Amino acid sequence: MNALAEQLNEAIKNENPFTYNMLSDLGKKLYYPKGILSQSAEASKKAYRFDATIGIATENHVPMHFQHIQKHFIGYAPEEIYSYAPPAGKQALRELWEAKLLGDNPSLQTRSFGLPIVTNALTHGLSITADLFANTGDSVIVPDKYWGNYQSIFHIRRGANLLTYPLFNENGCFHTDALRSILLKQKSEGKAIVLLNFPNNPTGYTPHREEMEEIISALYEAAQEGINIVAILDDAYFGLFYENSVKESLFGQLAGLHPRILPIKVDGVTKESYVWGLRVGFITYASQSSIILDALEQKTKGLIRGTVSSGSHLSQTVILHSLKSAEFEWEKQQKFELMKQRASKVKEILNQEKYEQYWSYYPFNSGYFMCLKLKQINAEDLRIHLLDRYGIGVVAINSTDLRIAFSCVEEQDIAELFDLIYQGVKDLIESNIMGE
């Protein structure tokens, strides 16, 4: 093992052996090399005459570039676009996102956490957590309603096992007892990775205050029982809370809660700022120890350096300008109100009595999605029928559940959408009767 990796491991182990034991075999090997990038970073501060370190080309003291490209970026300096961004991201963007986290999450005001590290959006951030903490055979605990890409990220890539529990209990509330039960079963292993995604994809559910307190209690109880918990907060849809749910991340409540709990916040502008193609996200660690926070940052930078090298400088510049813009908060509120109106319209439509014989719907109060639970027909059969007969695209989650992204349906079209889904269900039922 590289000496730099060993130094980071010793630093973590000395500060908190539980955190060290959470690391995967790969995570223990990772470090940020003292190579070209670190030498270039030193040169950028001290080389006042010539800087001949990093592999870019310059012309007239700015990054060399094509004018036919630059003409599309009026208002952006070449230095903000063409040169490499640091592996951890633009410092100003990291600091601005930290300020945003503090503003959005009052619980963080008194907690110790690291400076957010820029990722190539949410999937990359989750992939980093998998590489750092998931070994073959490790348990990743998720609700039975989860984003399908978790399978690729944690199971296929890293060999971890996804263990599920019911998201909802019989009262339509978050099933904390089920979470607690599956967590405590990991006592013999001594470790669990817990993925919490609110607003939830695919259901669009965010727990209320009492439910969140129960979740925190369950995690604390498991930690007290000797289970090391990597608590990953997938906050992809953060901020889109339309009703009386909790409106801040669990990250703040979990930070500093227990030495056996390592909270990791994965978020970004992808869904929050409606810039899906710009691919800018963040990963943030919480720990009482600044030494651990620094060591985890070094390992994360090493991982980024060995995969994507660094994120898009142009995208980071665009987001930095956006967050600093005077219009940002006003436009964000505008889009929030539009999304909230769509969610309200969906509920209004779904509460019509005629739908009750064909489906119910899972509780939703946030995010981009909601889910129907079909009563009489197969979700995949309905999905194909809606696509072929009516030109409607929806997602079949399993044999009973159909995910509807109201985020991409205009409010005036929502009633027609559900009427056509209703008609599609009737078509299949009649077809089944005729075929008997």
Protein backbone atom coordinates (compact mmCIF):
# COMPACT_ATOMS: atom_id res chain seq x y z
CA MET A 1 0.00 0.00 0.00
CA ASN A 2 1.22 3.50 -0.83
CA ALA A 3 2.76 5.38 2.09
CA LEU A 4 0.38 8.32 1.58
CA ALA A 5 -2.63 5.99 1.83
CA GLU A 6 -1.18 4.46 4.99
CA GLN A 7 -0.73 7.92 6.50
CA LEU A 8 -4.36 8.81 5.78
CA ASN A 9 -5.54 5.49 7.21
CA GLU A 10 -3.53 5.98 10.40
CA ALA A 11 -4.88 9.50 10.78
CA ILE A 12 -8.47 8.25 10.47
CA LYS A 13 -7.85 5.27 12.75
CA ASN A 14 -6.29 7.41 15.46
CA GLU A 15 -9.20 9.86 15.39
CA ASN A 16 -12.05 7.34 15.09
CA PRO A 17 -11.40 3.61 14.52
CA PHE A 18 -15.09 3.10 13.69
CA THR A 19 -14.78 5.39 10.68
CA TYR A 20 -11.64 3.56 9.58
CA ASN A 21 -13.48 0.23 9.76
CA MET A 22 -16.22 1.63 7.51
CA LEU A 23 -13.76 2.06 4.63
CA SER A 24 -13.77 -0.50 1.85
CA ASP A 25 -10.58 -2.25 0.79
CA LEU A 26 -10.40 0.20 -2.11
CA GLY A 27 -11.16 3.10 0.20
CA LYS A 28 -8.17 2.20 2.37
CA LYS A 29 -5.88 2.19 -0.68
CA LEU A 30 -6.94 5.61 -1.95
CA TYR A 31 -4.87 8.78 -1.59
CA TYR A 32 -4.23 11.97 -3.51
CA PRO A 33 -0.84 11.68 -5.21
CA LYS A 34 1.83 14.33 -4.90
CA GLY A 35 2.23 14.41 -8.64
CA ILE A 36 1.64 16.85 -11.44
CA LEU A 37 -1.53 18.36 -10.02
CA SER A 38 -0.13 19.06 -6.58
CA GLN A 39 3.07 20.47 -8.07
CA SER A 40 0.98 22.63 -10.41
CA ALA A 41 -1.07 23.85 -7.45
CA GLU A 42 2.14 24.93 -5.72
CA ALA A 43 3.36 26.60 -8.91
CA SER A 44 0.11 28.52 -9.33
CA LYS A 45 0.83 30.23 -6.01
CA LYS A 46 4.57 30.83 -6.36
CA ALA A 47 5.59 30.72 -10.05
CA TYR A 48 5.35 34.44 -10.81
CA ARG A 49 7.62 34.29 -13.87
CA PHE A 50 6.79 31.14 -15.86
CA ASP A 51 4.49 28.24 -15.00
CA ALA A 52 5.44 25.26 -17.18
CA THR A 53 3.82 22.56 -15.07
CA ILE A 54 0.34 21.60 -16.21
CA GLY A 55 -0.65 20.15 -19.57
CA ILE A 56 -2.62 22.97 -21.13
CA ALA A 57 -1.66 25.37 -23.92
CA THR A 58 -1.68 29.13 -23.46
CA GLU A 59 -1.68 32.08 -25.81
CA ASN A 60 -1.29 35.69 -24.72
CA HIS A 61 -1.31 34.51 -21.08
CA VAL A 62 -4.77 32.88 -21.26
CA PRO A 63 -5.80 29.31 -22.11
CA MET A 64 -5.53 28.74 -25.86
CA HIS A 65 -8.96 28.39 -27.45
CA PHE A 66 -10.98 28.62 -30.66
CA GLN A 67 -12.83 31.87 -31.29
CA HIS A 68 -15.72 30.00 -32.91
CA ILE A 69 -16.29 28.37 -29.52
CA GLN A 70 -15.54 31.41 -27.38
CA LYS A 71 -18.12 33.52 -29.26
CA HIS A 72 -20.86 31.39 -27.66
CA PHE A 73 -19.67 32.33 -24.16
CA ILE A 74 -19.88 36.10 -24.06
CA GLY A 75 -19.38 37.21 -20.48
CA TYR A 76 -17.16 34.28 -19.55
CA ALA A 77 -13.38 34.66 -19.45
CA PRO A 78 -11.32 31.88 -21.08
CA GLU A 79 -9.80 31.12 -17.67
CA GLU A 80 -13.30 30.22 -16.42
CA ILE A 81 -13.95 27.75 -19.21
CA TYR A 82 -11.02 25.97 -20.81
CA SER A 83 -8.48 25.25 -18.09
CA TYR A 84 -8.85 22.26 -15.79
CA ALA A 85 -10.97 22.71 -12.70
CA PRO A 86 -9.30 21.40 -9.51
CA PRO A 87 -10.18 17.74 -8.73
CA ALA A 88 -12.25 18.87 -5.74
CA GLY A 89 -13.89 21.62 -7.78
CA LYS A 90 -13.64 25.40 -7.97
CA GLN A 91 -12.92 26.73 -4.49
CA ALA A 92 -15.41 29.60 -4.81
CA LEU A 93 -18.17 27.18 -5.85
CA ARG A 94 -17.41 24.85 -2.94
CA GLU A 95 -17.58 27.74 -0.48
CA LEU A 96 -20.80 29.05 -1.98
CA TRP A 97 -22.42 25.60 -1.76
CA GLU A 98 -21.30 25.36 1.86
CA ALA A 99 -23.04 28.67 2.56
CA LYS A 100 -26.15 27.35 0.81
CA LEU A 101 -26.12 24.21 2.96
CA LEU A 102 -25.96 26.32 6.10
CA GLY A 103 -28.83 28.51 4.91
CA ASP A 104 -31.04 25.60 3.88
CA ASN A 105 -30.31 23.42 6.91
CA PRO A 106 -30.43 25.27 10.25
CA SER A 107 -29.35 22.10 12.09
CA LEU A 108 -25.93 22.40 10.45
CA GLN A 109 -25.17 25.74 12.09
CA THR A 110 -23.61 24.07 15.12
CA ARG A 111 -22.27 20.92 13.42
CA SER A 112 -18.84 20.02 12.08
CA PHE A 113 -18.69 19.10 8.41
CA GLY A 114 -16.26 19.35 5.52
CA LEU A 115 -16.21 21.70 2.59
CA PRO A 116 -18.40 20.21 -0.17
CA ILE A 117 -16.43 18.46 -2.91
CA VAL A 118 -17.64 18.92 -6.49
CA THR A 119 -18.71 15.75 -8.31
CA ASN A 120 -19.87 15.02 -11.83
CA ALA A 121 -23.46 15.17 -10.50
CA LEU A 122 -25.39 12.80 -8.23
CA THR A 123 -24.59 9.42 -9.73
CA HIS A 124 -20.88 10.19 -9.54
CA GLY A 125 -21.26 11.27 -5.91
CA LEU A 126 -23.05 8.06 -5.00
CA SER A 127 -20.44 6.08 -6.93
CA ILE A 128 -17.73 7.72 -4.82
CA THR A 129 -19.48 6.61 -1.62
CA ALA A 130 -19.75 3.08 -3.01
CA ASP A 131 -16.05 2.94 -3.90
CA LEU A 132 -14.96 4.37 -0.57
CA PHE A 133 -17.17 2.30 1.70
CA ALA A 134 -18.73 -0.75 -0.02
CA ASN A 135 -16.98 -4.11 -0.12
CA THR A 136 -18.27 -7.28 -1.73
CA GLY A 137 -20.95 -8.72 0.53
CA ASP A 138 -21.58 -5.51 2.49
CA SER A 139 -25.20 -4.67 3.24
CA VAL A 140 -26.75 -1.58 1.66
CA ILE A 141 -30.13 -0.89 3.27
CA VAL A 142 -32.73 0.80 1.09
CA PRO A 143 -36.55 0.98 1.13
CA ASP A 144 -38.45 -1.26 -1.27
CA LYS A 145 -39.20 1.83 -3.34
CA TYR A 146 -35.77 2.95 -4.53
CA TRP A 147 -33.98 4.36 -7.57
CA GLY A 148 -32.99 1.45 -9.81
CA ASN A 149 -29.50 2.83 -10.43
CA TYR A 150 -28.56 1.92 -6.85
CA GLN A 151 -28.28 -1.66 -8.13
CA SER A 152 -25.66 -0.66 -10.68
CA ILE A 153 -23.78 1.63 -8.31
CA PHE A 154 -23.59 -0.58 -5.23
CA HIS A 155 -24.33 -4.16 -6.31
CA ILE A 156 -23.03 -4.58 -9.85
CA ARG A 157 -19.98 -2.31 -9.49
CA ARG A 158 -19.05 -3.07 -5.89
CA GLY A 159 -20.66 -6.43 -5.09
CA ALA A 160 -22.64 -5.13 -2.12
CA ASN A 161 -26.07 -6.58 -1.34
CA LEU A 162 -29.14 -4.34 -1.41
CA LEU A 163 -31.45 -5.24 1.48
CA THR A 164 -34.94 -3.75 1.38
CA TYR A 165 -37.62 -2.91 3.91
CA PRO A 166 -41.15 -1.56 3.28
CA LEU A 167 -41.06 2.21 2.76
CA PHE A 168 -44.59 2.63 4.14
CA ASN A 169 -46.40 1.03 7.06
CA GLU A 170 -50.12 0.23 7.07
CA ASN A 171 -50.89 3.83 8.02
CA GLY A 172 -49.06 5.28 5.02
CA CYS A 173 -46.19 6.59 7.16
CA PHE A 174 -42.48 5.87 6.91
CA HIS A 175 -41.93 2.34 8.23
CA THR A 176 -39.33 3.07 10.90
CA ASP A 177 -39.91 -0.25 12.66
CA ALA A 178 -38.95 -2.09 9.48
CA LEU A 179 -35.83 0.03 9.08
CA ARG A 180 -34.85 -0.56 12.71
CA SER A 181 -35.42 -4.31 12.39
CA ILE A 182 -33.27 -4.76 9.28
CA LEU A 183 -30.58 -2.51 10.75
CA LEU A 184 -30.28 -4.48 13.97
CA LYS A 185 -29.93 -7.70 11.97
CA GLN A 186 -26.56 -6.37 10.79
CA LYS A 187 -25.09 -6.60 14.30
CA SER A 188 -23.10 -9.73 13.49
CA GLU A 189 -21.55 -7.95 10.50
CA GLY A 190 -20.82 -4.83 12.51
CA LYS A 191 -21.43 -2.53 9.54
CA ALA A 192 -24.29 -1.24 7.41
CA ILE A 193 -24.61 1.29 4.61
CA VAL A 194 -27.96 3.06 4.91
CA LEU A 195 -29.26 5.01 1.92
CA LEU A 196 -31.95 7.59 2.68
CA ASN A 197 -33.42 9.46 -0.28
CA PHE A 198 -35.89 12.28 0.48
CA PRO A 199 -37.79 13.38 -1.51
CA ASN A 200 -37.98 9.74 -2.47
CA ASN A 201 -37.59 8.54 -6.03
CA PRO A 202 -39.93 6.98 -7.15
CA THR A 203 -42.76 7.82 -4.71
CA GLY A 204 -42.18 11.53 -4.08
CA TYR A 205 -42.45 11.09 -0.30
CA THR A 206 -40.63 13.03 2.43
CA PRO A 207 -41.28 12.11 6.09
CA HIS A 208 -42.77 14.50 8.63
CA ARG A 209 -40.92 15.71 11.73
CA GLU A 210 -41.99 12.85 14.00
CA GLU A 211 -41.06 10.28 11.35
CA MET A 212 -37.62 11.86 10.90
CA GLU A 213 -37.05 11.78 14.64
CA GLU A 214 -37.93 8.08 14.64
CA ILE A 215 -35.45 7.44 11.81
CA ILE A 216 -32.72 9.24 13.76
CA SER A 217 -33.60 7.21 16.84
CA ALA A 218 -33.38 3.93 14.88
CA LEU A 219 -29.94 4.82 13.52
CA TYR A 220 -28.73 5.86 16.96
CA GLU A 221 -30.03 2.63 18.51
CA ALA A 222 -28.20 0.55 15.90
CA ALA A 223 -24.99 2.50 16.51
CA GLN A 224 -25.36 1.93 20.26
CA GLU A 225 -25.59 -1.80 19.49
CA GLY A 226 -22.13 -1.65 17.93
CA ILE A 227 -23.03 -1.28 14.25
CA ASN A 228 -20.91 1.09 12.18
CA ILE A 229 -23.28 3.02 9.91
CA VAL A 230 -22.40 4.80 6.69
CA ALA A 231 -25.46 7.06 6.40
CA ILE A 232 -25.75 8.31 2.82
CA LEU A 233 -28.27 11.09 2.27
CA ASP A 234 -29.25 11.11 -1.40
CA ASP A 235 -30.67 14.63 -1.53
CA ALA A 236 -31.12 14.80 -5.30
CA TYR A 237 -34.54 16.46 -5.07
CA PHE A 238 -33.80 18.62 -2.04
CA GLY A 239 -35.91 21.75 -1.62
CA LEU A 240 -38.96 20.52 -3.51
CA PHE A 241 -41.09 20.09 -0.38
CA TYR A 242 -44.70 21.01 -1.18
CA GLU A 243 -46.54 20.15 2.04
CA ASN A 244 -45.98 19.85 5.77
CA SER A 245 -42.94 17.56 5.63
CA VAL A 246 -39.48 18.16 7.03
CA LYS A 247 -37.79 20.78 4.89
CA GLU A 248 -34.14 20.19 5.68
CA SER A 249 -31.77 17.29 5.13
CA LEU A 250 -31.21 14.56 7.71
CA PHE A 251 -27.53 15.33 7.27
CA GLY A 252 -27.63 18.10 9.86
CA GLN A 253 -29.42 15.94 12.44
CA LEU A 254 -27.02 13.03 11.95
CA ALA A 255 -23.83 15.10 12.02
CA GLY A 256 -22.13 14.47 15.36
CA LEU A 257 -24.93 12.17 16.54
CA HIS A 258 -22.74 9.15 17.29
CA PRO A 259 -19.10 8.17 16.65
CA ARG A 260 -20.31 5.04 14.82
CA ILE A 261 -22.41 7.07 12.35
CA LEU A 262 -20.71 8.71 9.35
CA PRO A 263 -23.18 11.03 7.56
CA ILE A 264 -22.49 11.75 3.88
CA LYS A 265 -24.60 14.22 1.92
CA VAL A 266 -24.82 13.74 -1.85
CA ASP A 267 -26.64 16.53 -3.65
CA GLY A 268 -26.33 18.98 -6.50
CA VAL A 269 -27.90 21.42 -8.89
CA THR A 270 -29.13 18.74 -11.32
CA LYS A 271 -32.71 18.65 -10.04
CA GLU A 272 -32.64 21.67 -7.72
CA SER A 273 -31.71 24.13 -10.47
CA TYR A 274 -33.11 22.21 -13.45
CA VAL A 275 -29.71 21.82 -15.14
CA TRP A 276 -29.66 18.07 -15.70
CA GLY A 277 -27.08 18.15 -18.48
CA LEU A 278 -24.52 20.36 -16.73
CA ARG A 279 -23.54 17.51 -14.37
CA VAL A 280 -22.56 19.37 -11.21
CA GLY A 281 -23.07 17.76 -7.83
CA PHE A 282 -21.45 17.71 -4.40
CA ILE A 283 -20.41 15.24 -1.74
CA THR A 284 -20.07 16.45 1.86
CA TYR A 285 -18.82 14.54 4.89
CA ALA A 286 -19.67 15.22 8.53
CA SER A 287 -17.29 14.41 11.39
CA GLN A 288 -16.29 15.88 14.72
CA SER A 289 -12.67 15.55 13.58
CA SER A 290 -11.11 17.97 11.10
CA ILE A 291 -8.35 15.39 10.58
CA ILE A 292 -10.89 12.82 9.38
CA LEU A 293 -12.58 15.38 7.15
CA ASP A 294 -9.26 16.22 5.54
CA ALA A 295 -8.34 12.54 5.10
CA LEU A 296 -11.68 11.74 3.47
CA GLU A 297 -11.25 14.72 1.15
CA GLN A 298 -7.79 13.49 0.13
CA LYS A 299 -9.15 10.01 -0.59
CA THR A 300 -12.07 11.46 -2.52
CA LYS A 301 -9.76 13.66 -4.58
CA GLY A 302 -7.60 10.63 -5.31
CA LEU A 303 -10.65 8.73 -6.51
CA ILE A 304 -11.80 11.62 -8.70
CA ARG A 305 -8.27 12.00 -10.08
CA GLY A 306 -8.25 8.30 -11.03
CA THR A 307 -11.66 8.33 -12.74
CA VAL A 308 -12.91 11.59 -14.27
CA SER A 309 -9.79 13.63 -13.32
CA SER A 310 -11.97 16.67 -12.61
CA GLY A 311 -15.41 18.00 -13.40
CA SER A 312 -16.39 20.34 -16.21
CA HIS A 313 -14.93 23.79 -15.58
CA LEU A 314 -17.53 25.43 -17.80
CA SER A 315 -20.43 23.83 -15.93
CA GLN A 316 -18.98 24.84 -12.58
CA THR A 317 -18.53 28.41 -13.80
CA VAL A 318 -22.12 28.57 -15.02
CA ILE A 319 -23.40 27.31 -11.65
CA LEU A 320 -21.14 29.67 -9.73
CA HIS A 321 -22.54 32.63 -11.67
CA SER A 322 -26.08 31.30 -11.15
CA LEU A 323 -25.75 30.98 -7.38
CA LYS A 324 -24.34 34.51 -7.16
CA SER A 325 -27.03 35.93 -9.42
CA ALA A 326 -29.59 38.40 -8.06
CA GLU A 327 -32.27 36.48 -9.98
CA PHE A 328 -31.46 33.07 -8.49
CA GLU A 329 -33.80 33.04 -5.49
CA TRP A 330 -36.66 34.68 -7.38
CA GLU A 331 -36.50 32.26 -10.31
CA LYS A 332 -36.07 29.29 -7.99
CA GLN A 333 -39.25 30.26 -6.14
CA GLN A 334 -41.10 30.65 -9.45
CA LYS A 335 -40.20 27.13 -10.54
CA PHE A 336 -41.01 25.76 -7.09
CA GLU A 337 -44.52 27.21 -7.25
CA LEU A 338 -45.02 25.72 -10.71
CA MET A 339 -43.95 22.26 -9.51
CA LYS A 340 -46.08 22.58 -6.38
CA GLN A 341 -49.14 23.44 -8.47
CA ARG A 342 -48.60 20.34 -10.60
CA ALA A 343 -48.32 18.13 -7.52
CA SER A 344 -51.51 19.64 -6.08
CA LYS A 345 -53.32 19.13 -9.38
CA VAL A 346 -52.29 15.47 -9.45
CA LYS A 347 -53.78 14.95 -5.98
CA GLU A 348 -56.95 16.77 -6.94
CA ILE A 349 -57.38 14.55 -10.00
CA LEU A 350 -56.51 11.30 -8.22
CA ASN A 351 -59.10 11.88 -5.51
CA GLN A 352 -61.89 11.32 -8.02
CA GLU A 353 -63.97 8.32 -7.02
CA LYS A 354 -63.88 6.68 -10.47
CA TYR A 355 -60.21 5.78 -10.09
CA GLU A 356 -60.56 3.88 -6.82
CA GLN A 357 -61.52 0.54 -8.38
CA TYR A 358 -58.40 0.50 -10.55
CA TRP A 359 -55.63 1.92 -8.40
CA SER A 360 -54.57 3.61 -5.19
CA TYR A 361 -51.57 5.88 -4.88
CA TYR A 362 -48.66 6.00 -2.48
CA PRO A 363 -48.33 9.08 -0.26
CA PHE A 364 -46.42 11.89 -1.96
CA ASN A 365 -45.64 15.46 -0.92
CA SER A 366 -42.41 16.43 -2.69
CA GLY A 367 -40.03 15.92 -5.58
CA TYR A 368 -40.68 15.09 -9.24
CA PHE A 369 -42.70 11.86 -9.03
CA MET A 370 -45.63 9.94 -7.63
CA CYS A 371 -46.56 6.26 -7.89
CA LEU A 372 -49.81 4.47 -8.64
CA LYS A 373 -50.45 1.04 -7.12
CA LEU A 374 -52.51 -0.91 -9.66
CA LYS A 375 -55.19 -3.27 -8.36
CA GLN A 376 -56.12 -5.53 -11.27
CA ILE A 377 -53.51 -5.51 -14.01
CA ASN A 378 -49.77 -5.80 -14.50
CA ALA A 379 -47.84 -2.52 -14.54
CA GLU A 380 -45.56 -3.55 -17.41
CA ASP A 381 -48.54 -4.64 -19.51
CA LEU A 382 -50.18 -1.28 -18.90
CA ARG A 383 -46.97 0.61 -19.66
CA ILE A 384 -46.63 -1.05 -23.05
CA HIS A 385 -50.32 -0.60 -23.84
CA LEU A 386 -50.24 3.11 -22.96
CA LEU A 387 -47.19 3.60 -25.15
CA ASP A 388 -48.51 1.67 -28.14
CA ARG A 389 -52.15 2.76 -28.02
CA TYR A 390 -52.07 6.28 -26.60
CA GLY A 391 -48.49 7.49 -27.02
CA ILE A 392 -48.00 7.88 -23.26
CA GLY A 393 -44.74 7.08 -21.51
CA VAL A 394 -44.67 6.02 -17.86
CA VAL A 395 -42.32 3.78 -15.85
CA ALA A 396 -43.25 0.35 -14.50
CA ILE A 397 -41.38 -0.11 -11.22
CA ASN A 398 -42.56 -3.67 -10.57
CA SER A 399 -45.69 -5.73 -11.27
CA THR A 400 -48.02 -3.30 -9.43
CA ASP A 401 -46.36 0.12 -9.31
CA LEU A 402 -46.37 2.77 -12.03
CA ARG A 403 -44.21 5.89 -11.68
CA ILE A 404 -45.58 9.15 -13.06
CA ALA A 405 -43.21 12.11 -13.51
CA PHE A 406 -45.62 15.03 -13.09
CA SER A 407 -42.53 17.23 -13.30
CA CYS A 408 -42.63 16.99 -17.10
CA VAL A 409 -46.40 17.27 -17.63
CA GLU A 410 -48.00 20.70 -17.97
CA GLU A 411 -50.68 21.39 -15.36
CA GLN A 412 -53.42 21.71 -17.98
CA ASP A 413 -52.54 18.23 -19.33
CA ILE A 414 -52.57 16.32 -16.04
CA ALA A 415 -56.29 15.49 -16.10
CA GLU A 416 -56.04 14.10 -19.63
CA LEU A 417 -52.98 12.05 -18.70
CA PHE A 418 -54.76 10.24 -15.88
CA ASP A 419 -57.95 9.82 -17.89
CA LEU A 420 -55.95 8.06 -20.59
CA ILE A 421 -54.21 5.87 -18.01
CA TYR A 422 -57.68 5.07 -16.67
CA GLN A 423 -58.85 4.20 -20.17
CA GLY A 424 -55.77 2.04 -20.68
CA VAL A 425 -56.57 0.06 -17.55
CA LYS A 426 -60.15 -0.44 -18.74
CA ASP A 427 -58.88 -1.60 -22.14
CA LEU A 428 -56.73 -4.30 -20.59
CA ILE A 429 -59.43 -5.48 -18.19
CA GLU A 430 -61.94 -5.75 -21.03
CA SER A 431 -59.36 -7.54 -23.17
CA ASN A 432 -58.72 -10.03 -20.37
CA ILE A 433 -62.45 -10.66 -19.97
CA MET A 434 -62.89 -11.18 -23.70
CA GLY A 435 -59.97 -13.60 -23.73
CA GLU A 436 -61.38 -15.83 -21.01
